[in-house]
Amino acid sequence: MFNMLPRINEILAIEFPKVKTRWNNHEVRWVNFSKILTDSDLKTVGNFSKLLNKEIFSQVKTDGRTLFWDKMASIQDYDGTIKLAPLDFCPDVLYQNSELEV
């Protein structure tokens, strides 16, 4: 039998600093970014620290795979120009740091 890697299909609610999500395995889970940002050095990294702002945090989106914030990061393109890019998290990390809603 094929085991799918858990991916976020839908955002159900945003309650700073948590996001209620529906996953492709039909689970409803709460992702707590307070825990993710507090338990790591991410809270001190420029773009990630912006997620501690309630207004910015509420702009979270999903692409059917993970959670992301549009135009929150910058990347250098092949031609050397700097472009805005989404700030996202590995969906496996989000799954491991989420709690099943009961």
N, C-alpha and C. Protein backbone atom coordinates (compact mmCIF):
# COMPACT_ATOMS: atom_id res chain seq x y z
N MET A 1 0.84 -1.18 0.00
CA MET A 1 0.00 0.00 0.00
C MET A 1 0.88 1.24 0.00
N PHE A 2 0.47 2.25 -0.71
CA PHE A 2 1.20 3.51 -0.85
C PHE A 2 0.87 4.43 0.31
N ASN A 3 1.88 4.92 1.01
CA ASN A 3 1.69 5.90 2.08
C ASN A 3 1.99 7.29 1.55
N MET A 4 1.00 8.16 1.59
CA MET A 4 1.21 9.53 1.16
C MET A 4 1.92 10.31 2.26
N LEU A 5 2.79 11.18 1.86
CA LEU A 5 3.39 12.10 2.81
C LEU A 5 2.33 13.12 3.18
N PRO A 6 2.21 13.46 4.45
CA PRO A 6 1.17 14.42 4.85
C PRO A 6 1.44 15.81 4.28
N ARG A 7 0.41 16.35 3.66
CA ARG A 7 0.46 17.68 3.07
C ARG A 7 -0.81 18.43 3.44
N ILE A 8 -0.71 19.75 3.54
CA ILE A 8 -1.84 20.58 3.94
C ILE A 8 -2.71 20.88 2.73
N ASN A 9 -3.98 20.49 2.82
CA ASN A 9 -4.92 20.76 1.74
C ASN A 9 -5.67 22.07 1.92
N GLU A 10 -5.90 22.45 3.19
CA GLU A 10 -6.80 23.58 3.43
C GLU A 10 -6.51 24.24 4.78
N ILE A 11 -6.67 25.54 4.82
CA ILE A 11 -6.63 26.29 6.08
C ILE A 11 -8.07 26.43 6.55
N LEU A 12 -8.34 26.00 7.78
CA LEU A 12 -9.70 26.05 8.32
C LEU A 12 -9.89 27.24 9.25
N ALA A 13 -8.84 27.65 9.94
CA ALA A 13 -8.94 28.79 10.87
C ALA A 13 -7.54 29.30 11.16
N ILE A 14 -7.49 30.60 11.49
CA ILE A 14 -6.24 31.23 11.90
C ILE A 14 -6.50 31.90 13.24
N GLU A 15 -5.81 31.42 14.27
CA GLU A 15 -5.92 31.98 15.62
C GLU A 15 -4.50 32.17 16.13
N PHE A 16 -3.96 33.34 15.87
CA PHE A 16 -2.57 33.63 16.18
C PHE A 16 -2.16 33.08 17.53
N PRO A 17 -1.09 32.31 17.60
CA PRO A 17 -0.12 31.94 16.60
C PRO A 17 -0.35 30.53 16.03
N LYS A 18 -1.60 30.13 15.95
CA LYS A 18 -1.93 28.78 15.46
C LYS A 18 -2.72 28.85 14.17
N VAL A 19 -2.58 27.78 13.38
CA VAL A 19 -3.35 27.63 12.15
C VAL A 19 -3.99 26.25 12.18
N LYS A 20 -5.31 26.24 12.02
CA LYS A 20 -6.05 24.98 11.96
C LYS A 20 -6.07 24.53 10.50
N THR A 21 -5.62 23.30 10.26
CA THR A 21 -5.41 22.82 8.90
C THR A 21 -6.07 21.46 8.67
N ARG A 22 -6.45 21.24 7.41
CA ARG A 22 -6.91 19.90 6.99
C ARG A 22 -5.82 19.33 6.09
N TRP A 23 -5.43 18.10 6.38
CA TRP A 23 -4.33 17.44 5.68
C TRP A 23 -4.85 16.44 4.66
N ASN A 24 -3.98 16.01 3.76
CA ASN A 24 -4.39 15.08 2.71
C ASN A 24 -4.70 13.68 3.25
N ASN A 25 -4.41 13.42 4.51
CA ASN A 25 -4.77 12.15 5.14
C ASN A 25 -6.09 12.29 5.92
N HIS A 26 -6.79 13.41 5.69
CA HIS A 26 -8.10 13.74 6.27
C HIS A 26 -8.04 14.16 7.74
N GLU A 27 -6.85 14.30 8.29
CA GLU A 27 -6.73 14.77 9.67
C GLU A 27 -6.91 16.28 9.73
N VAL A 28 -7.50 16.75 10.82
CA VAL A 28 -7.55 18.18 11.13
C VAL A 28 -6.56 18.39 12.27
N ARG A 29 -5.60 19.30 12.02
CA ARG A 29 -4.51 19.50 12.97
C ARG A 29 -4.28 20.98 13.18
N TRP A 30 -3.83 21.33 14.39
CA TRP A 30 -3.44 22.70 14.74
C TRP A 30 -1.92 22.80 14.67
N VAL A 31 -1.43 23.71 13.83
CA VAL A 31 0.00 23.99 13.76
C VAL A 31 0.26 25.20 14.64
N ASN A 32 1.11 25.02 15.66
CA ASN A 32 1.40 26.08 16.61
C ASN A 32 2.76 26.70 16.28
N PHE A 33 2.73 27.89 15.67
CA PHE A 33 3.97 28.54 15.28
C PHE A 33 4.71 29.12 16.47
N SER A 34 4.04 29.37 17.55
CA SER A 34 4.72 29.83 18.75
C SER A 34 5.74 28.79 19.17
N LYS A 35 5.32 27.55 19.13
CA LYS A 35 6.21 26.45 19.49
C LYS A 35 7.36 26.33 18.48
N ILE A 36 7.04 26.40 17.21
CA ILE A 36 8.07 26.25 16.17
C ILE A 36 9.09 27.37 16.26
N LEU A 37 8.63 28.59 16.42
CA LEU A 37 9.55 29.73 16.46
C LEU A 37 10.29 29.84 17.78
N THR A 38 9.67 29.43 18.88
CA THR A 38 10.29 29.52 20.19
C THR A 38 11.31 28.41 20.41
N ASP A 39 11.01 27.22 19.89
CA ASP A 39 11.88 26.07 20.10
C ASP A 39 13.08 26.04 19.15
N SER A 40 13.27 27.10 18.39
CA SER A 40 14.37 27.11 17.44
C SER A 40 14.98 28.50 17.38
N ASP A 41 15.97 28.64 16.56
CA ASP A 41 16.60 29.94 16.37
C ASP A 41 15.88 30.76 15.31
N LEU A 42 14.78 30.24 14.76
CA LEU A 42 14.07 30.94 13.69
C LEU A 42 13.53 32.29 14.13
N LYS A 43 13.20 32.41 15.40
CA LYS A 43 12.62 33.68 15.88
C LYS A 43 13.58 34.85 15.74
N THR A 44 14.86 34.55 15.58
CA THR A 44 15.84 35.62 15.44
C THR A 44 16.24 35.86 13.99
N VAL A 45 15.75 35.02 13.09
CA VAL A 45 16.08 35.17 11.67
C VAL A 45 15.09 36.14 11.04
N GLY A 46 15.60 37.16 10.38
CA GLY A 46 14.82 38.26 9.83
C GLY A 46 13.40 37.96 9.39
N ASN A 47 13.22 37.22 8.32
CA ASN A 47 11.89 37.00 7.78
C ASN A 47 11.01 36.17 8.70
N PHE A 48 11.58 35.19 9.35
CA PHE A 48 10.78 34.35 10.24
C PHE A 48 10.30 35.14 11.45
N SER A 49 11.11 36.07 11.93
CA SER A 49 10.69 36.85 13.09
C SER A 49 9.46 37.70 12.78
N LYS A 50 9.26 38.04 11.52
CA LYS A 50 8.08 38.82 11.13
C LYS A 50 6.78 38.07 11.41
N LEU A 51 6.85 36.76 11.47
CA LEU A 51 5.65 35.95 11.71
C LEU A 51 5.12 36.13 13.13
N LEU A 52 5.90 36.72 14.00
CA LEU A 52 5.43 37.00 15.35
C LEU A 52 4.50 38.21 15.38
N ASN A 53 4.39 38.91 14.25
CA ASN A 53 3.46 40.02 14.10
C ASN A 53 2.10 39.44 13.71
N LYS A 54 1.08 39.70 14.52
CA LYS A 54 -0.24 39.11 14.33
C LYS A 54 -0.84 39.43 12.95
N GLU A 55 -0.67 40.66 12.51
CA GLU A 55 -1.22 41.08 11.21
C GLU A 55 -0.56 40.32 10.06
N ILE A 56 0.75 40.22 10.10
CA ILE A 56 1.48 39.48 9.06
C ILE A 56 1.14 38.00 9.14
N PHE A 57 1.10 37.46 10.34
CA PHE A 57 0.80 36.04 10.52
C PHE A 57 -0.54 35.68 9.87
N SER A 58 -1.52 36.55 9.99
CA SER A 58 -2.88 36.27 9.49
C SER A 58 -2.95 36.20 7.96
N GLN A 59 -1.87 36.54 7.28
CA GLN A 59 -1.84 36.49 5.82
C GLN A 59 -1.39 35.13 5.29
N VAL A 60 -1.34 34.14 6.14
CA VAL A 60 -0.90 32.80 5.76
C VAL A 60 -1.81 32.22 4.67
N LYS A 61 -1.19 31.44 3.78
CA LYS A 61 -1.91 30.79 2.67
C LYS A 61 -1.42 29.35 2.57
N THR A 62 -2.14 28.55 1.77
CA THR A 62 -1.66 27.22 1.44
C THR A 62 -1.65 27.04 -0.06
N ASP A 63 -0.76 26.19 -0.52
CA ASP A 63 -0.68 25.87 -1.94
C ASP A 63 -1.09 24.41 -2.18
N GLY A 64 -1.76 23.82 -1.17
CA GLY A 64 -2.13 22.41 -1.26
C GLY A 64 -1.03 21.47 -0.82
N ARG A 65 0.05 22.06 -0.32
CA ARG A 65 1.19 21.26 0.14
C ARG A 65 1.66 21.71 1.51
N THR A 66 1.82 23.02 1.68
CA THR A 66 2.34 23.57 2.92
C THR A 66 1.71 24.93 3.21
N LEU A 67 2.17 25.57 4.26
CA LEU A 67 1.74 26.93 4.58
C LEU A 67 2.83 27.89 4.13
N PHE A 68 2.39 29.06 3.64
CA PHE A 68 3.37 30.05 3.21
C PHE A 68 2.82 31.46 3.36
N TRP A 69 3.74 32.40 3.34
CA TRP A 69 3.43 33.83 3.37
C TRP A 69 4.02 34.43 2.10
N ASP A 70 3.16 35.01 1.29
CA ASP A 70 3.56 35.54 -0.01
C ASP A 70 4.50 36.74 0.14
N LYS A 71 5.51 36.78 -0.70
CA LYS A 71 6.45 37.91 -0.81
C LYS A 71 7.11 38.28 0.52
N MET A 72 7.42 37.27 1.32
CA MET A 72 8.06 37.52 2.63
C MET A 72 9.56 37.19 2.61
N ALA A 73 10.02 36.60 1.53
CA ALA A 73 11.44 36.26 1.42
C ALA A 73 11.96 36.85 0.11
N SER A 74 13.25 36.87 -0.03
CA SER A 74 13.82 37.32 -1.30
C SER A 74 14.85 36.30 -1.75
N ILE A 75 14.93 36.16 -3.07
CA ILE A 75 15.88 35.22 -3.66
C ILE A 75 16.63 35.92 -4.78
N GLN A 76 17.80 35.41 -5.07
CA GLN A 76 18.55 35.94 -6.19
C GLN A 76 18.28 35.05 -7.38
N ASP A 77 17.76 35.62 -8.45
CA ASP A 77 17.42 34.89 -9.66
C ASP A 77 18.70 34.56 -10.44
N TYR A 78 18.55 33.75 -11.47
CA TYR A 78 19.71 33.34 -12.28
C TYR A 78 20.45 34.51 -12.90
N ASP A 79 19.71 35.58 -13.22
CA ASP A 79 20.35 36.75 -13.82
C ASP A 79 20.92 37.72 -12.79
N GLY A 80 20.83 37.36 -11.52
CA GLY A 80 21.40 38.18 -10.46
C GLY A 80 20.43 39.15 -9.81
N THR A 81 19.23 39.29 -10.36
CA THR A 81 18.25 40.20 -9.76
C THR A 81 17.64 39.58 -8.52
N ILE A 82 17.30 40.43 -7.59
CA ILE A 82 16.66 39.99 -6.35
C ILE A 82 15.15 40.05 -6.56
N LYS A 83 14.47 38.96 -6.24
CA LYS A 83 13.02 38.88 -6.41
C LYS A 83 12.37 38.45 -5.11
N LEU A 84 11.14 38.91 -4.92
CA LEU A 84 10.38 38.48 -3.75
C LEU A 84 9.87 37.06 -3.98
N ALA A 85 9.85 36.29 -2.90
CA ALA A 85 9.43 34.89 -2.97
C ALA A 85 8.62 34.56 -1.72
N PRO A 86 7.88 33.45 -1.76
CA PRO A 86 7.13 33.07 -0.56
C PRO A 86 8.05 32.54 0.54
N LEU A 87 7.65 32.78 1.76
CA LEU A 87 8.33 32.22 2.93
C LEU A 87 7.50 31.01 3.35
N ASP A 88 8.10 29.84 3.32
CA ASP A 88 7.34 28.64 3.65
C ASP A 88 8.11 27.74 4.59
N PHE A 89 7.42 26.72 5.05
CA PHE A 89 8.00 25.71 5.95
C PHE A 89 7.84 24.35 5.31
N CYS A 90 8.76 23.46 5.60
CA CYS A 90 8.65 22.09 5.15
C CYS A 90 7.38 21.48 5.75
N PRO A 91 6.50 20.89 4.94
CA PRO A 91 5.26 20.33 5.49
C PRO A 91 5.50 19.21 6.49
N ASP A 92 6.60 18.50 6.36
CA ASP A 92 6.91 17.44 7.32
C ASP A 92 7.19 18.03 8.70
N VAL A 93 7.88 19.16 8.73
CA VAL A 93 8.15 19.85 10.00
C VAL A 93 6.84 20.35 10.61
N LEU A 94 5.96 20.90 9.78
CA LEU A 94 4.67 21.39 10.28
C LEU A 94 3.85 20.22 10.86
N TYR A 95 3.86 19.10 10.18
CA TYR A 95 3.11 17.94 10.65
C TYR A 95 3.64 17.46 12.00
N GLN A 96 4.96 17.38 12.10
CA GLN A 96 5.58 16.92 13.34
C GLN A 96 5.33 17.88 14.49
N ASN A 97 5.10 19.15 14.19
CA ASN A 97 4.89 20.15 15.22
C ASN A 97 3.42 20.59 15.31
N SER A 98 2.53 19.70 14.92
CA SER A 98 1.11 20.00 15.00
C SER A 98 0.42 19.01 15.94
N GLU A 99 -0.80 19.40 16.33
CA GLU A 99 -1.56 18.53 17.23
C GLU A 99 -2.88 18.17 16.57
N LEU A 100 -3.23 16.92 16.66
CA LEU A 100 -4.48 16.42 16.10
C LEU A 100 -5.65 17.00 16.87
N GLU A 101 -6.63 17.53 16.16
CA GLU A 101 -7.83 18.03 16.83
C GLU A 101 -8.71 16.84 17.18
N VAL A 102 -9.16 16.82 18.41
CA VAL A 102 -10.04 15.72 18.86
C VAL A 102 -11.44 16.19 19.11
